């Protein structure tokens, strides 16, 4: 029983708290297992959902279906069951050869 209490006490030093809600975008976080960090040292990037943007390519025959202000849901390959609310900010008037 005393060992369990000690391990529960130790756990408080293992819990990581973030200043914002979001998704971890750093790949291969597991490589940091066992690494000692200094207080406040960053080890991962967090994407805040309201600050994200996506460049979505629409087939030319369907581009007339998309309009600025239109709302929808974005599903990612790594989590296809969870939709993220999006809003179209702009639509390029024609295909662009140079990414912005």
PDB file of N, CA and C in Angstrom:
ATOM      1  N   UNK A   1       0.818  -1.189   0.000  1.00  0.00           N
ATOM      2  CA  UNK A   1       0.000   0.000   0.000  1.00  0.00           C
ATOM      3  C   UNK A   1       0.868   1.261   0.000  1.00  0.00           C
ATOM      4  N   UNK A   2       1.932   1.259   0.777  1.00  0.00           N
ATOM      5  CA  UNK A   2       2.822   2.419   0.845  1.00  0.00           C
ATOM      6  C   UNK A   2       3.513   2.640  -0.495  1.00  0.00           C
ATOM      7  N   UNK A   3       3.850   1.558  -1.185  1.00  0.00           N
ATOM      8  CA  UNK A   3       4.498   1.686  -2.491  1.00  0.00           C
ATOM      9  C   UNK A   3       3.548   2.325  -3.504  1.00  0.00           C
ATOM     10  N   UNK A   4       2.280   1.934  -3.467  1.00  0.00           N
ATOM     11  CA  UNK A   4       1.283   2.514  -4.359  1.00  0.00           C
ATOM     12  C   UNK A   4       1.127   4.007  -4.096  1.00  0.00           C
ATOM     13  N   UNK A   5       1.077   4.400  -2.835  1.00  0.00           N
ATOM     14  CA  UNK A   5       0.971   5.822  -2.492  1.00  0.00           C
ATOM     15  C   UNK A   5       2.202   6.583  -2.995  1.00  0.00           C
ATOM     16  N   UNK A   6       3.358   5.972  -2.852  1.00  0.00           N
ATOM     17  CA  UNK A   6       4.594   6.620  -3.322  1.00  0.00           C
ATOM     18  C   UNK A   6       4.562   6.798  -4.846  1.00  0.00           C
ATOM     19  N   UNK A   7       4.126   5.772  -5.565  1.00  0.00           N
ATOM     20  CA  UNK A   7       4.053   5.866  -7.018  1.00  0.00           C
ATOM     21  C   UNK A   7       3.021   6.902  -7.456  1.00  0.00           C
ATOM     22  N   UNK A   8       1.901   6.986  -6.765  1.00  0.00           N
ATOM     23  CA  UNK A   8       0.903   8.009  -7.080  1.00  0.00           C
ATOM     24  C   UNK A   8       1.468   9.405  -6.815  1.00  0.00           C
ATOM     25  N   UNK A   9       2.247   9.548  -5.751  1.00  0.00           N
ATOM     26  CA  UNK A   9       2.890  10.836  -5.451  1.00  0.00           C
ATOM     27  C   UNK A   9       3.887  11.197  -6.551  1.00  0.00           C
ATOM     28  N   UNK A  10       4.653  10.228  -7.007  1.00  0.00           N
ATOM     29  CA  UNK A  10       5.640  10.460  -8.066  1.00  0.00           C
ATOM     30  C   UNK A  10       4.990  10.848  -9.389  1.00  0.00           C
ATOM     31  N   UNK A  11       3.794  10.354  -9.623  1.00  0.00           N
ATOM     32  CA  UNK A  11       3.121  10.592 -10.892  1.00  0.00           C
ATOM     33  C   UNK A  11       2.902  12.079 -11.158  1.00  0.00           C
ATOM     34  N   UNK A  12       2.739  12.875 -10.115  1.00  0.00           N
ATOM     35  CA  UNK A  12       2.518  14.303 -10.309  1.00  0.00           C
ATOM     36  C   UNK A  12       3.668  14.947 -11.080  1.00  0.00           C
ATOM     37  N   UNK A  13       4.832  14.365 -11.024  1.00  0.00           N
ATOM     38  CA  UNK A  13       5.989  14.914 -11.731  1.00  0.00           C
ATOM     39  C   UNK A  13       6.053  14.428 -13.173  1.00  0.00           C
ATOM     40  N   UNK A  14       5.235  13.452 -13.513  1.00  0.00           N
ATOM     41  CA  UNK A  14       5.208  12.914 -14.865  1.00  0.00           C
ATOM     42  C   UNK A  14       4.104  13.520 -15.716  1.00  0.00           C
ATOM     43  N   UNK A  15       3.057  14.029 -15.081  1.00  0.00           N
ATOM     44  CA  UNK A  15       1.953  14.628 -15.830  1.00  0.00           C
ATOM     45  C   UNK A  15       2.429  15.905 -16.499  1.00  0.00           C
ATOM     46  N   UNK A  16       2.110  16.028 -17.772  1.00  0.00           N
ATOM     47  CA  UNK A  16       2.503  17.203 -18.543  1.00  0.00           C
ATOM     48  C   UNK A  16       1.254  18.016 -18.819  1.00  0.00           C
ATOM     49  N   UNK A  17       1.313  19.281 -18.486  1.00  0.00           N
ATOM     50  CA  UNK A  17       0.172  20.162 -18.719  1.00  0.00           C
ATOM     51  C   UNK A  17       0.560  21.179 -19.781  1.00  0.00           C
ATOM     52  N   UNK A  18      -0.392  21.507 -20.637  1.00  0.00           N
ATOM     53  CA  UNK A  18      -0.154  22.444 -21.721  1.00  0.00           C
ATOM     54  C   UNK A  18      -0.929  23.734 -21.479  1.00  0.00           C
ATOM     55  N   UNK A  19      -0.407  24.857 -21.930  1.00  0.00           N
ATOM     56  CA  UNK A  19      -1.114  26.126 -21.718  1.00  0.00           C
ATOM     57  C   UNK A  19      -2.311  26.325 -22.647  1.00  0.00           C
ATOM     58  N   UNK A  20      -2.442  25.503 -23.686  1.00  0.00           N
ATOM     59  CA  UNK A  20      -3.545  25.640 -24.638  1.00  0.00           C
ATOM     60  C   UNK A  20      -4.096  24.263 -24.984  1.00  0.00           C
ATOM     61  N   UNK A  21      -5.337  24.249 -25.464  1.00  0.00           N
ATOM     62  CA  UNK A  21      -5.923  23.006 -25.970  1.00  0.00           C
ATOM     63  C   UNK A  21      -5.529  22.868 -27.435  1.00  0.00           C
ATOM     64  N   UNK A  22      -5.298  21.672 -27.874  1.00  0.00           N
ATOM     65  CA  UNK A  22      -4.948  21.471 -29.271  1.00  0.00           C
ATOM     66  C   UNK A  22      -4.435  20.078 -29.515  1.00  0.00           C
ATOM     67  N   UNK A  23      -3.901  19.889 -30.694  1.00  0.00           N
ATOM     68  CA  UNK A  23      -3.359  18.596 -31.083  1.00  0.00           C
ATOM     69  C   UNK A  23      -1.847  18.661 -31.206  1.00  0.00           C
ATOM     70  N   UNK A  24      -1.179  17.620 -30.751  1.00  0.00           N
ATOM     71  CA  UNK A  24       0.279  17.571 -30.855  1.00  0.00           C
ATOM     72  C   UNK A  24       0.646  17.286 -32.302  1.00  0.00           C
ATOM     73  N   UNK A  25       1.491  18.143 -32.875  1.00  0.00           N
ATOM     74  CA  UNK A  25       1.876  17.989 -34.269  1.00  0.00           C
ATOM     75  C   UNK A  25       3.285  17.425 -34.431  1.00  0.00           C
ATOM     76  N   UNK A  26       4.011  17.293 -33.346  1.00  0.00           N
ATOM     77  CA  UNK A  26       5.368  16.765 -33.411  1.00  0.00           C
ATOM     78  C   UNK A  26       5.318  15.261 -33.642  1.00  0.00           C
ATOM     79  N   UNK A  27       6.009  14.818 -34.667  1.00  0.00           N
ATOM     80  CA  UNK A  27       6.051  13.387 -34.952  1.00  0.00           C
ATOM     81  C   UNK A  27       7.096  12.715 -34.069  1.00  0.00           C
ATOM     82  N   UNK A  28       6.900  11.482 -33.777  1.00  0.00           N
ATOM     83  CA  UNK A  28       7.858  10.641 -33.056  1.00  0.00           C
ATOM     84  C   UNK A  28       8.210  11.207 -31.677  1.00  0.00           C
ATOM     85  N   UNK A  29       7.194  11.578 -30.908  1.00  0.00           N
ATOM     86  CA  UNK A  29       7.406  12.094 -29.562  1.00  0.00           C
ATOM     87  C   UNK A  29       8.051  11.030 -28.678  1.00  0.00           C
ATOM     88  N   UNK A  30       7.854   9.785 -29.025  1.00  0.00           N
ATOM     89  CA  UNK A  30       8.383   8.695 -28.195  1.00  0.00           C
ATOM     90  C   UNK A  30       9.907   8.689 -28.115  1.00  0.00           C
ATOM     91  N   UNK A  31      10.593   9.401 -29.003  1.00  0.00           N
ATOM     92  CA  UNK A  31      12.058   9.434 -28.929  1.00  0.00           C
ATOM     93  C   UNK A  31      12.540  10.201 -27.694  1.00  0.00           C
ATOM     94  N   UNK A  32      11.638  10.952 -27.047  1.00  0.00           N
ATOM     95  CA  UNK A  32      12.010  11.714 -25.860  1.00  0.00           C
ATOM     96  C   UNK A  32      11.865  10.921 -24.569  1.00  0.00           C
ATOM     97  N   UNK A  33      11.447   9.672 -24.650  1.00  0.00           N
ATOM     98  CA  UNK A  33      11.291   8.858 -23.447  1.00  0.00           C
ATOM     99  C   UNK A  33      12.640   8.767 -22.732  1.00  0.00           C
ATOM    100  N   UNK A  34      12.630   9.103 -21.451  1.00  0.00           N
ATOM    101  CA  UNK A  34      13.837   9.034 -20.638  1.00  0.00           C
ATOM    102  C   UNK A  34      14.704  10.277 -20.694  1.00  0.00           C
ATOM    103  N   UNK A  35      14.400  11.233 -21.571  1.00  0.00           N
ATOM    104  CA  UNK A  35      15.201  12.450 -21.666  1.00  0.00           C
ATOM    105  C   UNK A  35      14.853  13.385 -20.525  1.00  0.00           C
ATOM    106  N   UNK A  36      15.842  14.015 -19.935  1.00  0.00           N
ATOM    107  CA  UNK A  36      15.623  15.006 -18.886  1.00  0.00           C
ATOM    108  C   UNK A  36      15.466  16.374 -19.533  1.00  0.00           C
ATOM    109  N   UNK A  37      14.420  17.070 -19.160  1.00  0.00           N
ATOM    110  CA  UNK A  37      14.151  18.405 -19.675  1.00  0.00           C
ATOM    111  C   UNK A  37      14.333  19.429 -18.568  1.00  0.00           C
ATOM    112  N   UNK A  38      14.731  20.619 -18.955  1.00  0.00           N
ATOM    113  CA  UNK A  38      14.773  21.738 -18.016  1.00  0.00           C
ATOM    114  C   UNK A  38      13.362  22.304 -17.923  1.00  0.00           C
ATOM    115  N   UNK A  39      13.041  22.932 -16.797  1.00  0.00           N
ATOM    116  CA  UNK A  39      11.711  23.530 -16.626  1.00  0.00           C
ATOM    117  C   UNK A  39      11.458  24.544 -17.731  1.00  0.00           C
ATOM    118  N   UNK A  40      10.325  24.408 -18.388  1.00  0.00           N
ATOM    119  CA  UNK A  40       9.951  25.341 -19.448  1.00  0.00           C
ATOM    120  C   UNK A  40      10.531  25.028 -20.812  1.00  0.00           C
ATOM    121  N   UNK A  41      11.341  24.001 -20.916  1.00  0.00           N
ATOM    122  CA  UNK A  41      11.951  23.645 -22.201  1.00  0.00           C
ATOM    123  C   UNK A  41      10.905  22.981 -23.103  1.00  0.00           C
ATOM    124  N   UNK A  42      10.690  23.523 -24.304  1.00  0.00           N
ATOM    125  CA  UNK A  42       9.695  22.916 -25.197  1.00  0.00           C
ATOM    126  C   UNK A  42      10.210  21.604 -25.789  1.00  0.00           C
ATOM    127  N   UNK A  43       9.287  20.676 -26.011  1.00  0.00           N
ATOM    128  CA  UNK A  43       9.671  19.419 -26.648  1.00  0.00           C
ATOM    129  C   UNK A  43       8.684  19.007 -27.722  1.00  0.00           C
ATOM    130  N   UNK A  44       7.612  19.772 -27.870  1.00  0.00           N
ATOM    131  CA  UNK A  44       6.583  19.405 -28.826  1.00  0.00           C
ATOM    132  C   UNK A  44       5.873  20.667 -29.303  1.00  0.00           C
ATOM    133  N   UNK A  45       5.275  20.577 -30.482  1.00  0.00           N
ATOM    134  CA  UNK A  45       4.467  21.676 -30.992  1.00  0.00           C
ATOM    135  C   UNK A  45       3.003  21.286 -30.877  1.00  0.00           C
ATOM    136  N   UNK A  46       2.183  22.259 -30.507  1.00  0.00           N
ATOM    137  CA  UNK A  46       0.752  22.038 -30.362  1.00  0.00           C
ATOM    138  C   UNK A  46       0.031  22.963 -31.331  1.00  0.00           C
ATOM    139  N   UNK A  47      -0.838  22.396 -32.124  1.00  0.00           N
ATOM    140  CA  UNK A  47      -1.624  23.188 -33.067  1.00  0.00           C
ATOM    141  C   UNK A  47      -2.943  23.555 -32.416  1.00  0.00           C
ATOM    142  N   UNK A  48      -3.202  24.849 -32.307  1.00  0.00           N
ATOM    143  CA  UNK A  48      -4.452  25.339 -31.732  1.00  0.00           C
ATOM    144  C   UNK A  48      -5.502  25.301 -32.843  1.00  0.00           C
ATOM    145  N   UNK A  49      -6.601  24.553 -32.668  1.00  0.00           N
ATOM    146  CA  UNK A  49      -7.565  24.359 -33.754  1.00  0.00           C
ATOM    147  C   UNK A  49      -8.065  25.637 -34.421  1.00  0.00           C
ATOM    148  N   UNK A  50      -8.325  26.692 -33.674  1.00  0.00           N
ATOM    149  CA  UNK A  50      -8.857  27.916 -34.274  1.00  0.00           C
ATOM    150  C   UNK A  50      -7.802  28.696 -35.053  1.00  0.00           C
ATOM    151  N   UNK A  51      -6.542  28.302 -34.940  1.00  0.00           N
ATOM    152  CA  UNK A  51      -5.469  28.996 -35.639  1.00  0.00           C
ATOM    153  C   UNK A  51      -4.923  28.204 -36.828  1.00  0.00           C
ATOM    154  N   UNK A  52      -5.540  27.082 -37.138  1.00  0.00           N
ATOM    155  CA  UNK A  52      -5.067  26.249 -38.235  1.00  0.00           C
ATOM    156  C   UNK A  52      -5.683  26.681 -39.556  1.00  0.00           C
ATOM    157  N   UNK A  53      -4.972  26.410 -40.627  1.00  0.00           N
ATOM    158  CA  UNK A  53      -5.518  26.614 -41.964  1.00  0.00           C
ATOM    159  C   UNK A  53      -5.068  25.452 -42.826  1.00  0.00           C
ATOM    160  N   UNK A  54      -5.825  25.207 -43.853  1.00  0.00           N
ATOM    161  CA  UNK A  54      -5.512  24.104 -44.759  1.00  0.00           C
ATOM    162  C   UNK A  54      -5.670  24.580 -46.187  1.00  0.00           C
ATOM    163  N   UNK A  55      -4.786  24.139 -47.029  1.00  0.00           N
ATOM    164  CA  UNK A  55      -4.890  24.408 -48.460  1.00  0.00           C
ATOM    165  C   UNK A  55      -5.470  23.144 -49.075  1.00  0.00           C
ATOM    166  N   UNK A  56      -6.668  23.265 -49.626  1.00  0.00           N
ATOM    167  CA  UNK A  56      -7.379  22.104 -50.141  1.00  0.00           C
ATOM    168  C   UNK A  56      -7.530  22.238 -51.646  1.00  0.00           C
ATOM    169  N   UNK A  57      -7.081  21.240 -52.345  1.00  0.00           N
ATOM    170  CA  UNK A  57      -7.192  21.240 -53.803  1.00  0.00           C
ATOM    171  C   UNK A  57      -8.530  20.626 -54.199  1.00  0.00           C
ATOM    172  N   UNK A  58      -9.271  21.356 -55.029  1.00  0.00           N
ATOM    173  CA  UNK A  58     -10.588  20.911 -55.478  1.00  0.00           C
ATOM    174  C   UNK A  58     -10.495  20.606 -56.965  1.00  0.00           C
ATOM    175  N   UNK A  59     -11.005  19.465 -57.413  1.00  0.00           N
ATOM    176  CA  UNK A  59     -10.989  19.167 -58.844  1.00  0.00           C
ATOM    177  C   UNK A  59     -11.686  20.280 -59.623  1.00  0.00           C
ATOM    178  N   UNK A  60     -11.148  20.607 -60.770  1.00  0.00           N
ATOM    179  CA  UNK A  60     -11.651  21.737 -61.558  1.00  0.00           C
ATOM    180  C   UNK A  60     -13.148  21.630 -61.835  1.00  0.00           C
ATOM    181  N   UNK A  61     -13.645  20.429 -62.071  1.00  0.00           N
ATOM    182  CA  UNK A  61     -15.073  20.280 -62.382  1.00  0.00           C
ATOM    183  C   UNK A  61     -15.969  20.508 -61.156  1.00  0.00           C
ATOM    184  N   UNK A  62     -15.384  20.571 -59.946  1.00  0.00           N
ATOM    185  CA  UNK A  62     -16.180  20.782 -58.733  1.00  0.00           C
ATOM    186  C   UNK A  62     -15.906  22.138 -58.080  1.00  0.00           C
ATOM    187  N   UNK A  63     -15.039  22.942 -58.657  1.00  0.00           N
ATOM    188  CA  UNK A  63     -14.659  24.209 -58.027  1.00  0.00           C
ATOM    189  C   UNK A  63     -15.840  25.171 -57.911  1.00  0.00           C
ATOM    190  N   UNK A  64     -16.835  25.059 -58.760  1.00  0.00           N
ATOM    191  CA  UNK A  64     -17.997  25.947 -58.678  1.00  0.00           C
ATOM    192  C   UNK A  64     -18.869  25.629 -57.457  1.00  0.00           C
ATOM    193  N   UNK A  65     -18.645  24.498 -56.805  1.00  0.00           N
ATOM    194  CA  UNK A  65     -19.409  24.125 -55.621  1.00  0.00           C
ATOM    195  C   UNK A  65     -18.877  24.815 -54.360  1.00  0.00           C
ATOM    196  N   UNK A  66     -17.665  25.379 -54.446  1.00  0.00           N
ATOM    197  CA  UNK A  66     -17.004  25.943 -53.272  1.00  0.00           C
ATOM    198  C   UNK A  66     -17.057  27.466 -53.329  1.00  0.00           C
ATOM    199  N   UNK A  67     -17.485  28.086 -52.217  1.00  0.00           N
ATOM    200  CA  UNK A  67     -17.625  29.544 -52.171  1.00  0.00           C
ATOM    201  C   UNK A  67     -17.073  30.070 -50.846  1.00  0.00           C
ATOM    202  N   UNK A  68     -16.495  31.282 -50.820  1.00  0.00           N
ATOM    203  CA  UNK A  68     -16.032  31.876 -49.557  1.00  0.00           C
ATOM    204  C   UNK A  68     -17.182  31.973 -48.553  1.00  0.00           C
ATOM    205  N   UNK A  69     -16.895  31.677 -47.300  1.00  0.00           N
ATOM    206  CA  UNK A  69     -17.902  31.694 -46.247  1.00  0.00           C
ATOM    207  C   UNK A  69     -18.589  30.356 -46.040  1.00  0.00           C
ATOM    208  N   UNK A  70     -18.406  29.440 -46.982  1.00  0.00           N
ATOM    209  CA  UNK A  70     -19.027  28.117 -46.878  1.00  0.00           C
ATOM    210  C   UNK A  70     -18.405  27.362 -45.703  1.00  0.00           C
ATOM    211  N   UNK A  71     -19.239  26.678 -44.945  1.00  0.00           N
ATOM    212  CA  UNK A  71     -18.758  25.901 -43.801  1.00  0.00           C
ATOM    213  C   UNK A  71     -18.801  24.416 -44.142  1.00  0.00           C
ATOM    214  N   UNK A  72     -17.952  23.666 -43.477  1.00  0.00           N
ATOM    215  CA  UNK A  72     -17.907  22.233 -43.711  1.00  0.00           C
ATOM    216  C   UNK A  72     -17.108  21.543 -42.631  1.00  0.00           C
ATOM    217  N   UNK A  73     -16.797  20.296 -42.847  1.00  0.00           N
ATOM    218  CA  UNK A  73     -15.993  19.508 -41.920  1.00  0.00           C
ATOM    219  C   UNK A  73     -14.804  18.935 -42.665  1.00  0.00           C
ATOM    220  N   UNK A  74     -13.654  18.951 -41.995  1.00  0.00           N
ATOM    221  CA  UNK A  74     -12.422  18.411 -42.553  1.00  0.00           C
ATOM    222  C   UNK A  74     -12.068  17.144 -41.779  1.00  0.00           C
ATOM    223  N   UNK A  75     -11.852  16.055 -42.497  1.00  0.00           N
ATOM    224  CA  UNK A  75     -11.467  14.785 -41.883  1.00  0.00           C
ATOM    225  C   UNK A  75     -10.036  14.472 -42.300  1.00  0.00           C
ATOM    226  N   UNK A  76      -9.198  14.160 -41.316  1.00  0.00           N
ATOM    227  CA  UNK A  76      -7.794  13.866 -41.595  1.00  0.00           C
ATOM    228  C   UNK A  76      -7.585  12.371 -41.742  1.00  0.00           C
ATOM    229  N   UNK A  77      -6.565  12.012 -42.511  1.00  0.00           N
ATOM    230  CA  UNK A  77      -6.263  10.598 -42.731  1.00  0.00           C
ATOM    231  C   UNK A  77      -5.916   9.871 -41.437  1.00  0.00           C
ATOM    232  N   UNK A  78      -5.246  10.568 -40.506  1.00  0.00           N
ATOM    233  CA  UNK A  78      -4.814   9.885 -39.283  1.00  0.00           C
ATOM    234  C   UNK A  78      -5.943   9.726 -38.260  1.00  0.00           C
ATOM    235  N   UNK A  79      -7.095  10.417 -38.469  1.00  0.00           N
ATOM    236  CA  UNK A  79      -8.246  10.289 -37.575  1.00  0.00           C
ATOM    237  C   UNK A  79      -9.521  10.499 -38.388  1.00  0.00           C
ATOM    238  N   UNK A  80      -9.858   9.552 -39.259  1.00  0.00           N
ATOM    239  CA  UNK A  80     -10.961   9.750 -40.200  1.00  0.00           C
ATOM    240  C   UNK A  80     -12.352   9.815 -39.569  1.00  0.00           C
ATOM    241  N   UNK A  81     -12.494   9.495 -38.307  1.00  0.00           N
ATOM    242  CA  UNK A  81     -13.809   9.538 -37.670  1.00  0.00           C
ATOM    243  C   UNK A  81     -14.111  10.882 -37.007  1.00  0.00           C
ATOM    244  N   UNK A  82     -13.092  11.733 -36.861  1.00  0.00           N
ATOM    245  CA  UNK A  82     -13.270  13.016 -36.196  1.00  0.00           C
ATOM    246  C   UNK A  82     -13.245  14.139 -37.215  1.00  0.00           C
ATOM    247  N   UNK A  83     -14.340  14.872 -37.305  1.00  0.00           N
ATOM    248  CA  UNK A  83     -14.409  15.999 -38.223  1.00  0.00           C
ATOM    249  C   UNK A  83     -14.040  17.297 -37.513  1.00  0.00           C
ATOM    250  N   UNK A  84     -13.376  18.180 -38.224  1.00  0.00           N
ATOM    251  CA  UNK A  84     -12.998  19.489 -37.699  1.00  0.00           C
ATOM    252  C   UNK A  84     -13.741  20.546 -38.503  1.00  0.00           C
ATOM    253  N   UNK A  85     -14.450  21.425 -37.812  1.00  0.00           N
ATOM    254  CA  UNK A  85     -15.228  22.463 -38.488  1.00  0.00           C
ATOM    255  C   UNK A  85     -14.286  23.412 -39.230  1.00  0.00           C
ATOM    256  N   UNK A  86     -14.613  23.708 -40.481  1.00  0.00           N
ATOM    257  CA  UNK A  86     -13.813  24.640 -41.272  1.00  0.00           C
ATOM    258  C   UNK A  86     -14.737  25.639 -41.961  1.00  0.00           C
ATOM    259  N   UNK A  87     -14.131  26.737 -42.390  1.00  0.00           N
ATOM    260  CA  UNK A  87     -14.836  27.743 -43.172  1.00  0.00           C
ATOM    261  C   UNK A  87     -13.927  28.167 -44.314  1.00  0.00           C
ATOM    262  N   UNK A  88     -14.470  28.217 -45.515  1.00  0.00           N
ATOM    263  CA  UNK A  88     -13.704  28.614 -46.692  1.00  0.00           C
ATOM    264  C   UNK A  88     -13.469  30.126 -46.610  1.00  0.00           C
ATOM    265  N   UNK A  89     -12.202  30.533 -46.641  1.00  0.00           N
ATOM    266  CA  UNK A  89     -11.864  31.954 -46.584  1.00  0.00           C
ATOM    267  C   UNK A  89     -11.716  32.545 -47.978  1.00  0.00           C
ATOM    268  N   UNK A  90     -11.113  31.768 -48.880  1.00  0.00           N
ATOM    269  CA  UNK A  90     -10.959  32.255 -50.245  1.00  0.00           C
ATOM    270  C   UNK A  90     -10.864  31.088 -51.205  1.00  0.00           C
ATOM    271  N   UNK A  91     -11.203  31.362 -52.441  1.00  0.00           N
ATOM    272  CA  UNK A  91     -11.105  30.365 -53.505  1.00  0.00           C
ATOM    273  C   UNK A  91     -10.281  31.004 -54.613  1.00  0.00           C
ATOM    274  N   UNK A  92      -9.221  30.331 -55.026  1.00  0.00           N
ATOM    275  CA  UNK A  92      -8.390  30.852 -56.114  1.00  0.00           C
ATOM    276  C   UNK A  92      -9.221  30.862 -57.394  1.00  0.00           C
ATOM    277  N   UNK A  93      -9.136  31.928 -58.172  1.00  0.00           N
ATOM    278  CA  UNK A  93      -9.950  32.008 -59.402  1.00  0.00           C
ATOM    279  C   UNK A  93      -9.564  30.985 -60.458  1.00  0.00           C
ATOM    280  N   UNK A  94      -8.331  30.509 -60.392  1.00  0.00           N
ATOM    281  CA  UNK A  94      -7.890  29.474 -61.326  1.00  0.00           C
ATOM    282  C   UNK A  94      -6.761  28.700 -60.667  1.00  0.00           C
ATOM    283  N   UNK A  95      -6.387  27.609 -61.264  1.00  0.00           N
ATOM    284  CA  UNK A  95      -5.312  26.790 -60.706  1.00  0.00           C
ATOM    285  C   UNK A  95      -4.030  27.608 -60.595  1.00  0.00           C
ATOM    286  N   UNK A  96      -3.338  27.464 -59.499  1.00  0.00           N
ATOM    287  CA  UNK A  96      -2.110  28.199 -59.274  1.00  0.00           C
ATOM    288  C   UNK A  96      -0.913  27.273 -59.393  1.00  0.00           C
ATOM    289  N   UNK A  97       0.069  27.694 -60.143  1.00  0.00           N
ATOM    290  CA  UNK A  97       1.277  26.883 -60.310  1.00  0.00           C
ATOM    291  C   UNK A  97       2.229  27.065 -59.148  1.00  0.00           C
ATOM    292  N   UNK A  98       2.182  28.216 -58.495  1.00  0.00           N
ATOM    293  CA  UNK A  98       3.092  28.515 -57.391  1.00  0.00           C
ATOM    294  C   UNK A  98       2.313  28.480 -56.079  1.00  0.00           C
ATOM    295  N   UNK A  99       2.701  27.616 -55.146  1.00  0.00           N
ATOM    296  CA  UNK A  99       1.995  27.591 -53.867  1.00  0.00           C
ATOM    297  C   UNK A  99       2.248  28.871 -53.079  1.00  0.00           C
ATOM    298  N   UNK A 100       1.228  29.315 -52.310  1.00  0.00           N
ATOM    299  CA  UNK A 100       1.382  30.519 -51.504  1.00  0.00           C
ATOM    300  C   UNK A 100       1.552  30.151 -50.061  1.00  0.00           C
TER     301      UNK A 100
END
